[in-house]
C-alpha atoms as a PDB file:
ATOM      1  CA  MET A   1      43.450 161.707 -24.060  1.00  0.00           C
ATOM      2  CA  GLU A   2      41.138 162.250 -21.333  1.00  0.00           C
ATOM      3  CA  PRO A   3      41.925 165.298 -19.027  1.00  0.00           C
ATOM      4  CA  ARG A   4      43.277 164.325 -15.686  1.00  0.00           C
ATOM      5  CA  ALA A   5      41.123 164.950 -12.811  1.00  0.00           C
ATOM      6  CA  GLY A   6      42.570 167.459 -10.259  1.00  0.00           C
ATOM      7  CA  PRO A   7      42.692 167.038  -6.522  1.00  0.00           C
ATOM      8  CA  ARG A   8      39.453 167.119  -4.663  1.00  0.00           C
ATOM      9  CA  ARG A   9      38.834 170.099  -2.788  1.00  0.00           C
ATOM     10  CA  PRO A  10      37.698 169.613   0.736  1.00  0.00           C
ATOM     11  CA  ALA A  11      33.839 170.416   1.281  1.00  0.00           C
ATOM     12  CA  ALA A  12      33.019 173.668   3.001  1.00  0.00           C
ATOM     13  CA  ALA A  13      32.285 173.459   6.666  1.00  0.00           C
ATOM     14  CA  GLY A  14      28.920 175.041   6.140  1.00  0.00           C
ATOM     15  CA  ASN A  15      27.973 172.423   3.534  1.00  0.00           C
ATOM     16  CA  ALA A  16      29.052 169.553   5.457  1.00  0.00           C
ATOM     17  CA  THR A  17      27.060 170.864   8.415  1.00  0.00           C
ATOM     18  CA  ALA A  18      23.986 171.326   6.376  1.00  0.00           C
ATOM     19  CA  ALA A  19      24.247 167.757   4.729  1.00  0.00           C
ATOM     20  CA  GLY A  20      25.264 165.877   7.815  1.00  0.00           C
ATOM     21  CA  PRO A  21      23.190 165.135  10.968  1.00  0.00           C
ATOM     22  CA  PRO A  22      22.595 167.926  13.366  1.00  0.00           C
ATOM     23  CA  ASN A  23      25.443 168.327  15.848  1.00  0.00           C
ATOM     24  CA  GLU A  24      24.233 167.645  19.565  1.00  0.00           C
ATOM     25  CA  SER A  25      26.215 170.670  20.651  1.00  0.00           C
ATOM     26  CA  THR A  26      23.788 172.820  18.566  1.00  0.00           C
ATOM     27  CA  LEU A  27      20.706 171.756  20.430  1.00  0.00           C
ATOM     28  CA  ALA A  28      19.612 174.209  22.823  1.00  0.00           C
ATOM     29  CA  PRO A  29      19.359 173.156  26.495  1.00  0.00           C
ATOM     30  CA  PRO A  30      16.114 174.007  28.284  1.00  0.00           C
ATOM     31  CA  SER A  31      16.143 177.509  29.589  1.00  0.00           C
ATOM     32  CA  PRO A  32      16.519 177.985  33.488  1.00  0.00           C
ATOM     33  CA  GLY A  33      12.999 179.624  33.369  1.00  0.00           C
ATOM     34  CA  THR A  34      11.352 176.329  32.165  1.00  0.00           C
ATOM     35  CA  LEU A  35      13.286 174.319  34.687  1.00  0.00           C
ATOM     36  CA  LEU A  36      12.348 176.492  37.473  1.00  0.00           C
ATOM     37  CA  ALA A  37       8.593 176.399  36.326  1.00  0.00           C
ATOM     38  CA  VAL A  38       8.700 172.681  36.385  1.00  0.00           C
ATOM     39  CA  ALA A  39      10.383 172.560  39.695  1.00  0.00           C
ATOM     40  CA  GLU A  40       7.706 175.005  41.199  1.00  0.00           C
ATOM     41  CA  ARG A  41       4.928 172.996  39.785  1.00  0.00           C
ATOM     42  CA  LEU A  42       6.216 169.816  41.229  1.00  0.00           C
ATOM     43  CA  ALA A  43       6.643 171.512  44.668  1.00  0.00           C
ATOM     44  CA  ARG A  44       3.164 172.762  44.638  1.00  0.00           C
ATOM     45  CA  CYS A  45       1.854 169.265  43.833  1.00  0.00           C
ATOM     46  CA  ARG A  46       3.761 167.645  46.718  1.00  0.00           C
ATOM     47  CA  GLN A  47       2.683 170.575  49.006  1.00  0.00           C
ATOM     48  CA  ARG A  48      -0.861 170.216  48.319  1.00  0.00           C
ATOM     49  CA  ARG A  49      -0.658 166.369  48.049  1.00  0.00           C
ATOM     50  CA  CYS A  50      -2.290 166.533  44.672  1.00  0.00           C
ATOM     51  CA  ILE A  51      -4.153 163.419  43.984  1.00  0.00           C
ATOM     52  CA  TRP A  52      -3.573 163.451  40.122  1.00  0.00           C
ATOM     53  CA  GLY A  53      -0.029 162.760  40.392  1.00  0.00           C
ATOM     54  CA  PRO A  54      -0.317 159.539  42.526  1.00  0.00           C
ATOM     55  CA  MET A  55      -3.427 158.528  40.388  1.00  0.00           C
ATOM     56  CA  ASN A  56      -1.209 158.862  37.247  1.00  0.00           C
ATOM     57  CA  LEU A  57       1.565 156.769  38.753  1.00  0.00           C
ATOM     58  CA  LEU A  58      -0.969 154.101  39.606  1.00  0.00           C
ATOM     59  CA  ARG A  59      -2.479 153.929  36.151  1.00  0.00           C
ATOM     60  CA  PRO A  60      -0.160 151.279  34.830  1.00  0.00           C
ATOM     61  CA  ARG A  61      -1.152 149.127  37.747  1.00  0.00           C
ATOM     62  CA  ARG A  62      -4.768 149.748  37.082  1.00  0.00           C
ATOM     63  CA  LEU A  63      -4.429 148.844  33.327  1.00  0.00           C
ATOM     64  CA  ARG A  64      -2.753 145.642  34.362  1.00  0.00           C
ATOM     65  CA  SER A  65      -5.702 144.558  36.845  1.00  0.00           C
ATOM     66  CA  SER A  66      -8.413 141.972  35.934  1.00  0.00           C
ATOM     67  CA  HIS A  67     -11.320 144.561  35.946  1.00  0.00           C
ATOM     68  CA  SER A  68     -13.570 141.495  36.537  1.00  0.00           C
ATOM     69  CA  TYR A  69     -16.551 143.317  38.154  1.00  0.00           C
ATOM     70  CA  GLY A  70     -18.518 140.107  38.465  1.00  0.00           C
ATOM     71  CA  ALA A  71     -17.371 139.663  42.216  1.00  0.00           C
ATOM     72  CA  VAL A  72     -18.202 143.241  42.988  1.00  0.00           C
ATOM     73  CA  LEU A  73     -21.696 142.865  41.496  1.00  0.00           C
ATOM     74  CA  ALA A  74     -22.260 139.537  43.369  1.00  0.00           C
ATOM     75  CA  LEU A  75     -21.289 141.332  46.703  1.00  0.00           C
ATOM     76  CA  ILE A  76     -23.642 144.067  45.905  1.00  0.00           C
ATOM     77  CA  VAL A  77     -26.556 141.635  45.199  1.00  0.00           C
ATOM     78  CA  ILE A  78     -25.584 139.923  48.593  1.00  0.00           C
ATOM     79  CA  SER A  79     -26.005 143.158  50.238  1.00  0.00           C
ATOM     80  CA  LEU A  80     -29.467 143.588  48.619  1.00  0.00           C
ATOM     81  CA  VAL A  81     -30.631 140.261  49.684  1.00  0.00           C
ATOM     82  CA  PHE A  82     -29.233 140.711  53.315  1.00  0.00           C
ATOM     83  CA  ILE A  83     -31.163 144.111  53.609  1.00  0.00           C
ATOM     84  CA  VAL A  84     -34.312 142.741  52.620  1.00  0.00           C
ATOM     85  CA  SER A  85     -34.289 139.246  54.300  1.00  0.00           C
ATOM     86  CA  ALA A  86     -32.334 139.845  57.518  1.00  0.00           C
ATOM     87  CA  PRO A  87     -34.086 140.541  60.743  1.00  0.00           C
ATOM     88  CA  GLY A  88     -33.893 143.919  62.364  1.00  0.00           C
ATOM     89  CA  THR A  89     -31.945 142.806  65.288  1.00  0.00           C
ATOM     90  CA  THR A  90     -29.112 144.698  66.934  1.00  0.00           C
ATOM     91  CA  TRP A  91     -26.392 142.921  65.126  1.00  0.00           C
ATOM     92  CA  TYR A  92     -27.899 143.771  61.714  1.00  0.00           C
ATOM     93  CA  PRO A  93     -26.562 147.235  61.110  1.00  0.00           C
ATOM     94  CA  SER A  94     -23.200 146.088  62.267  1.00  0.00           C
ATOM     95  CA  ALA A  95     -23.077 143.185  59.732  1.00  0.00           C
ATOM     96  CA  LEU A  96     -24.364 145.347  57.040  1.00  0.00           C
ATOM     97  CA  THR A  97     -21.473 147.930  57.594  1.00  0.00           C
ATOM     98  CA  PHE A  98     -19.029 145.028  57.442  1.00  0.00           C
ATOM     99  CA  ILE A  99     -20.462 143.919  54.115  1.00  0.00           C
ATOM    100  CA  GLU A 100     -20.038 147.386  52.703  1.00  0.00           C
ATOM    101  CA  THR A 101     -16.481 147.602  53.736  1.00  0.00           C
ATOM    102  CA  ILE A 102     -15.882 144.035  51.907  1.00  0.00           C
ATOM    103  CA  ILE A 103     -17.466 145.701  48.888  1.00  0.00           C
ATOM    104  CA  LEU A 104     -15.045 148.618  48.997  1.00  0.00           C
ATOM    105  CA  ILE A 105     -12.005 146.388  49.347  1.00  0.00           C
ATOM    106  CA  ALA A 106     -13.338 144.241  46.308  1.00  0.00           C
ATOM    107  CA  ALA A 107     -13.773 147.291  44.194  1.00  0.00           C
ATOM    108  CA  LEU A 108     -10.213 148.728  45.076  1.00  0.00           C
ATOM    109  CA  TRP A 109      -8.674 145.419  44.302  1.00  0.00           C
ATOM    110  CA  THR A 110     -10.497 144.738  40.973  1.00  0.00           C
ATOM    111  CA  SER A 111     -10.050 148.214  39.624  1.00  0.00           C
ATOM    112  CA  GLY A 112      -6.304 148.032  40.671  1.00  0.00           C
ATOM    113  CA  LEU A 113      -6.492 151.102  42.819  1.00  0.00           C
ATOM    114  CA  SER A 114      -4.547 149.330  45.481  1.00  0.00           C
ATOM    115  CA  THR A 115      -3.040 145.957  45.980  1.00  0.00           C
ATOM    116  CA  HIS A 116      -1.301 146.886  49.426  1.00  0.00           C
ATOM    117  CA  LYS A 117      -2.407 144.386  52.072  1.00  0.00           C
ATOM    118  CA  VAL A 118      -1.923 146.955  54.596  1.00  0.00           C
ATOM    119  CA  ILE A 119      -4.702 148.980  53.251  1.00  0.00           C
ATOM    120  CA  PHE A 120      -7.050 146.051  53.023  1.00  0.00           C
ATOM    121  CA  ALA A 121      -6.173 144.916  56.505  1.00  0.00           C
ATOM    122  CA  GLY A 122      -6.764 148.596  57.765  1.00  0.00           C
ATOM    123  CA  LEU A 123     -10.274 148.735  56.101  1.00  0.00           C
ATOM    124  CA  ALA A 124     -11.199 145.330  57.441  1.00  0.00           C
ATOM    125  CA  LEU A 125     -10.022 146.378  61.076  1.00  0.00           C
ATOM    126  CA  LEU A 126     -12.071 149.713  60.578  1.00  0.00           C
ATOM    127  CA  GLY A 127     -14.917 147.705  59.826  1.00  0.00           C
ATOM    128  CA  LEU A 128     -14.624 145.362  62.606  1.00  0.00           C
ATOM    129  CA  ALA A 129     -14.153 148.291  65.209  1.00  0.00           C
ATOM    130  CA  VAL A 130     -17.355 149.831  63.816  1.00  0.00           C
ATOM    131  CA  VAL A 131     -19.177 146.558  64.251  1.00  0.00           C
ATOM    132  CA  LEU A 132     -17.934 146.225  67.884  1.00  0.00           C
ATOM    133  CA  LEU A 133     -18.873 149.780  68.638  1.00  0.00           C
ATOM    134  CA  GLN A 134     -22.333 149.437  67.327  1.00  0.00           C
ATOM    135  CA  LEU A 135     -22.956 146.232  69.116  1.00  0.00           C
ATOM    136  CA  VAL A 136     -21.792 147.825  72.491  1.00  0.00           C
ATOM    137  CA  VAL A 137     -23.450 151.271  71.980  1.00  0.00           C
ATOM    138  CA  ASP A 138     -27.021 151.326  70.778  1.00  0.00           C
ATOM    139  CA  ASP A 139     -27.821 154.973  70.096  1.00  0.00           C
ATOM    140  CA  ASP A 140     -29.975 156.713  67.587  1.00  0.00           C
ATOM    141  CA  THR A 141     -27.016 159.318  66.803  1.00  0.00           C
ATOM    142  CA  LEU A 142     -24.639 156.395  66.229  1.00  0.00           C
ATOM    143  CA  ASN A 143     -27.087 154.637  64.051  1.00  0.00           C
ATOM    144  CA  GLY A 144     -27.568 157.651  61.978  1.00  0.00           C
ATOM    145  CA  ALA A 145     -23.792 158.090  61.691  1.00  0.00           C
ATOM    146  CA  MET A 146     -23.316 154.460  60.734  1.00  0.00           C
ATOM    147  CA  GLY A 147     -25.950 155.124  57.762  1.00  0.00           C
ATOM    148  CA  VAL A 148     -23.618 157.932  56.583  1.00  0.00           C
ATOM    149  CA  LEU A 149     -20.623 155.904  56.996  1.00  0.00           C
ATOM    150  CA  ASN A 150     -22.319 153.008  54.786  1.00  0.00           C
ATOM    151  CA  ALA A 151     -23.127 155.539  52.298  1.00  0.00           C
ATOM    152  CA  VAL A 152     -19.544 157.015  52.187  1.00  0.00           C
ATOM    153  CA  LEU A 153     -18.181 153.342  51.818  1.00  0.00           C
ATOM    154  CA  LEU A 154     -20.487 152.655  48.812  1.00  0.00           C
ATOM    155  CA  ALA A 155     -19.671 156.175  47.267  1.00  0.00           C
ATOM    156  CA  ALA A 156     -16.025 155.171  47.375  1.00  0.00           C
ATOM    157  CA  ALA A 157     -16.635 151.832  45.867  1.00  0.00           C
ATOM    158  CA  CYS A 158     -18.497 153.439  43.111  1.00  0.00           C
ATOM    159  CA  CYS A 159     -15.637 155.882  42.301  1.00  0.00           C
ATOM    160  CA  ALA A 160     -13.195 153.009  42.290  1.00  0.00           C
ATOM    161  CA  VAL A 161     -15.391 150.978  39.953  1.00  0.00           C
ATOM    162  CA  GLY A 162     -15.958 154.003  37.703  1.00  0.00           C
ATOM    163  CA  LEU A 163     -12.184 154.874  37.516  1.00  0.00           C
ATOM    164  CA  GLY A 164     -11.476 151.200  36.658  1.00  0.00           C
ATOM    165  CA  VAL A 165     -14.033 151.186  33.902  1.00  0.00           C
ATOM    166  CA  SER A 166     -12.822 154.335  32.348  1.00  0.00           C
ATOM    167  CA  ASP A 167      -9.128 152.920  32.321  1.00  0.00           C
ATOM    168  CA  GLN A 168     -10.027 149.905  30.016  1.00  0.00           C
ATOM    169  CA  GLN A 169      -8.836 150.209  26.470  1.00  0.00           C
ATOM    170  CA  GLU A 170     -12.185 149.008  25.048  1.00  0.00           C
ATOM    171  CA  ILE A 171     -15.942 148.716  26.065  1.00  0.00           C
ATOM    172  CA  ASN A 172     -16.435 145.048  26.962  1.00  0.00           C
ATOM    173  CA  PRO A 173     -18.847 143.001  29.032  1.00  0.00           C
ATOM    174  CA  GLN A 174     -16.765 143.692  32.070  1.00  0.00           C
ATOM    175  CA  SER A 175     -17.421 147.376  31.612  1.00  0.00           C
ATOM    176  CA  ILE A 176     -21.191 146.698  31.515  1.00  0.00           C
ATOM    177  CA  LEU A 177     -20.796 144.622  34.806  1.00  0.00           C
ATOM    178  CA  GLY A 178     -18.967 147.621  36.331  1.00  0.00           C
ATOM    179  CA  ALA A 179     -21.689 150.053  35.337  1.00  0.00           C
ATOM    180  CA  ILE A 180     -24.451 147.859  36.597  1.00  0.00           C
ATOM    181  CA  SER A 181     -22.738 147.640  39.800  1.00  0.00           C
ATOM    182  CA  ILE A 182     -22.545 151.373  40.222  1.00  0.00           C
ATOM    183  CA  TYR A 183     -26.144 151.624  39.512  1.00  0.00           C
ATOM    184  CA  LEU A 184     -27.179 149.109  42.035  1.00  0.00           C
ATOM    185  CA  ALA A 185     -24.745 150.762  44.467  1.00  0.00           C
ATOM    186  CA  ILE A 186     -26.374 154.124  44.017  1.00  0.00           C
ATOM    187  CA  GLY A 187     -29.730 152.617  45.023  1.00  0.00           C
ATOM    188  CA  ILE A 188     -28.330 151.183  48.122  1.00  0.00           C
ATOM    189  CA  LEU A 189     -26.371 154.325  49.013  1.00  0.00           C
ATOM    190  CA  PHE A 190     -29.587 156.575  48.967  1.00  0.00           C
ATOM    191  CA  ALA A 191     -31.257 153.794  51.145  1.00  0.00           C
ATOM    192  CA  PHE A 192     -28.381 154.383  53.588  1.00  0.00           C
ATOM    193  CA  ALA A 193     -29.104 158.131  53.396  1.00  0.00           C
ATOM    194  CA  TYR A 194     -32.795 157.610  53.990  1.00  0.00           C
ATOM    195  CA  ASP A 195     -31.822 155.532  57.027  1.00  0.00           C
ATOM    196  CA  ALA A 196     -29.785 158.456  58.499  1.00  0.00           C
ATOM    197  CA  ALA A 197     -32.532 160.898  57.631  1.00  0.00           C
ATOM    198  CA  ALA A 198     -35.072 158.700  59.429  1.00  0.00           C
ATOM    199  CA  THR A 199     -32.823 158.246  62.442  1.00  0.00           C
ATOM    200  CA  VAL A 200     -32.031 162.093  63.191  1.00  0.00           C
ATOM    201  CA  GLN A 201     -35.022 164.014  62.037  1.00  0.00           C
ATOM    202  CA  PRO A 202     -37.895 164.406  64.514  1.00  0.00           C
ATOM    203  CA  GLY A 203     -41.197 162.762  63.616  1.00  0.00           C
ATOM    204  CA  ASN A 204     -41.802 160.008  60.948  1.00  0.00           C
ATOM    205  CA  PHE A 205     -39.773 159.906  57.645  1.00  0.00           C
ATOM    206  CA  PHE A 206     -42.737 158.857  55.427  1.00  0.00           C
ATOM    207  CA  ALA A 207     -45.866 160.872  55.321  1.00  0.00           C
ATOM    208  CA  GLN A 208     -47.897 157.644  55.880  1.00  0.00           C
ATOM    209  CA  GLY A 209     -46.868 157.794  59.330  1.00  0.00           C
ATOM    210  CA  THR A 210     -43.971 155.450  59.790  1.00  0.00           C
ATOM    211  CA  ASP A 211     -40.159 155.510  59.386  1.00  0.00           C
ATOM    212  CA  GLY A 212     -40.198 152.292  57.579  1.00  0.00           C
ATOM    213  CA  SER A 213     -37.986 149.202  58.012  1.00  0.00           C
ATOM    214  CA  TYR A 214     -34.757 148.867  56.210  1.00  0.00           C
ATOM    215  CA  ALA A 215     -36.372 146.896  53.472  1.00  0.00           C
ATOM    216  CA  VAL A 216     -39.184 149.466  52.962  1.00  0.00           C
ATOM    217  CA  ARG A 217     -36.540 152.163  52.727  1.00  0.00           C
ATOM    218  CA  LEU A 218     -34.602 150.191  50.054  1.00  0.00           C
ATOM    219  CA  TYR A 219     -37.791 149.640  48.252  1.00  0.00           C
ATOM    220  CA  PHE A 220     -38.464 153.351  48.326  1.00  0.00           C
ATOM    221  CA  SER A 221     -34.995 153.952  46.981  1.00  0.00           C
ATOM    222  CA  PHE A 222     -35.132 152.021  44.064  1.00  0.00           C
ATOM    223  CA  VAL A 223     -38.440 152.920  43.240  1.00  0.00           C
ATOM    224  CA  THR A 224     -37.259 156.600  43.246  1.00  0.00           C
ATOM    225  CA  LEU A 225     -34.040 155.763  41.447  1.00  0.00           C
ATOM    226  CA  ALA A 226     -36.223 154.049  38.548  1.00  0.00           C
ATOM    227  CA  THR A 227     -38.679 156.949  38.760  1.00  0.00           C
ATOM    228  CA  LEU A 228     -41.540 154.528  38.893  1.00  0.00           C
ATOM    229  CA  GLY A 229     -43.569 156.771  41.358  1.00  0.00           C
ATOM    230  CA  TYR A 230     -45.775 154.265  42.816  1.00  0.00           C
ATOM    231  CA  GLY A 231     -46.908 156.829  45.607  1.00  0.00           C
ATOM    232  CA  ASP A 232     -47.452 154.192  48.350  1.00  0.00           C
ATOM    233  CA  TYR A 233     -44.614 155.853  50.342  1.00  0.00           C
ATOM    234  CA  THR A 234     -43.613 159.619  50.334  1.00  0.00           C
ATOM    235  CA  PRO A 235     -41.075 161.501  52.368  1.00  0.00           C
ATOM    236  CA  ALA A 236     -42.742 163.835  54.950  1.00  0.00           C
ATOM    237  CA  ALA A 237     -39.972 166.385  55.546  1.00  0.00           C
ATOM    238  CA  ASP A 238     -37.917 168.636  53.244  1.00  0.00           C
ATOM    239  CA  ALA A 239     -34.760 166.624  53.714  1.00  0.00           C
ATOM    240  CA  GLY A 240     -36.169 163.466  52.599  1.00  0.00           C
ATOM    241  CA  ARG A 241     -37.933 165.134  49.623  1.00  0.00           C
ATOM    242  CA  MET A 242     -34.628 166.785  48.485  1.00  0.00           C
ATOM    243  CA  LEU A 243     -32.880 163.176  48.779  1.00  0.00           C
ATOM    244  CA  ALA A 244     -35.568 161.710  46.737  1.00  0.00           C
ATOM    245  CA  VAL A 245     -35.408 164.290  43.994  1.00  0.00           C
ATOM    246  CA  SER A 246     -31.699 164.204  43.911  1.00  0.00           C
ATOM    247  CA  GLU A 247     -31.939 160.289  43.612  1.00  0.00           C
ATOM    248  CA  ALA A 248     -34.465 160.551  40.562  1.00  0.00           C
ATOM    249  CA  ILE A 249     -32.235 162.988  38.774  1.00  0.00           C
ATOM    250  CA  VAL A 250     -29.060 160.804  39.336  1.00  0.00           C
ATOM    251  CA  GLY A 251     -30.862 157.674  38.192  1.00  0.00           C
ATOM    252  CA  GLN A 252     -32.238 159.155  35.137  1.00  0.00           C
ATOM    253  CA  LEU A 253     -29.054 160.874  33.981  1.00  0.00           C
ATOM    254  CA  TYR A 254     -27.021 157.717  34.717  1.00  0.00           C
ATOM    255  CA  LEU A 255     -29.223 155.290  32.585  1.00  0.00           C
ATOM    256  CA  VAL A 256     -29.598 157.772  29.580  1.00  0.00           C
ATOM    257  CA  THR A 257     -25.892 158.771  29.561  1.00  0.00           C
ATOM    258  CA  VAL A 258     -23.427 156.334  31.036  1.00  0.00           C
ATOM    259  CA  LEU A 259     -25.380 152.853  30.661  1.00  0.00           C
ATOM    260  CA  ALA A 260     -26.615 153.773  27.284  1.00  0.00           C
ATOM    261  CA  ILE A 261     -23.420 154.944  25.969  1.00  0.00           C
ATOM    262  CA  LEU A 262     -21.724 151.664  27.094  1.00  0.00           C
ATOM    263  CA  VAL A 263     -24.334 149.151  25.994  1.00  0.00           C
ATOM    264  CA  GLY A 264     -24.335 151.025  22.566  1.00  0.00           C
ATOM    265  CA  ASN A 265     -20.525 150.565  22.121  1.00  0.00           C
ATOM    266  CA  VAL A 266     -19.619 147.320  23.453  1.00  0.00           C
ATOM    267  CA  GLY A 267     -16.593 145.899  21.581  1.00  0.00           C
ATOM    268  CA  ARG A 268     -15.376 149.237  20.452  1.00  0.00           C
ATOM    269  CA  ARG A 269     -11.854 150.429  21.431  1.00  0.00           C
ATOM    270  CA  ASN A 270     -11.471 153.879  22.863  1.00  0.00           C
ATOM    271  CA  GLY A 271      -9.961 156.207  20.584  1.00  0.00           C
END
């Protein structure tokens, strides 16, 4: 006869605890010190109006944006053609400022940094106000300030496009278009800087005895950016020389780093 099995003994509480899933009551809550440190960090971020917090909150919106930089590139090319072909009349600088404002709006929209119509309307109204002011007041100081403003608008557009390109999950043709847009915008940006320097500095901007027209300063800017060094125009003052040296360094570093890396990795996903 087989021996009868005795009654089962209940498992020990320690063994059941070890065999079963961990009890939620055993998980230690965050210490008060950790919560206090997080609260203090958030308070400092709000107090200093930290830019990284809002930028990270906007990142999903940027990732969902089109990132089609063909429109931005087309507007920059239109700006180039306008500078070269438009006559040097009183309305010319005003129209140029309005074009640069439209470029900034297109860069913000394409990169997904902002989709609020209020911001776009505010930038458009700012451009129109500057246009009207420049039409009414014809002053060398104001013209120099307009050159600085145009450079700031283009610099902001370059930052917007650069951030949008870096947010993409892969290096694609749109990334190349964005990089080319930034490169052309840098050339126009330094041309505006030369405009401002030629307006405010005493004497001629170029050692050849002339300040040059808008088209000449744009030509000089891209010759310097590409480090061609024709020598037909050279800055006469130290400020112009420093600008030219800075542009040449930026142009070379951009070509051999940013643009070369993008072209060499087209189609690869960012790891």
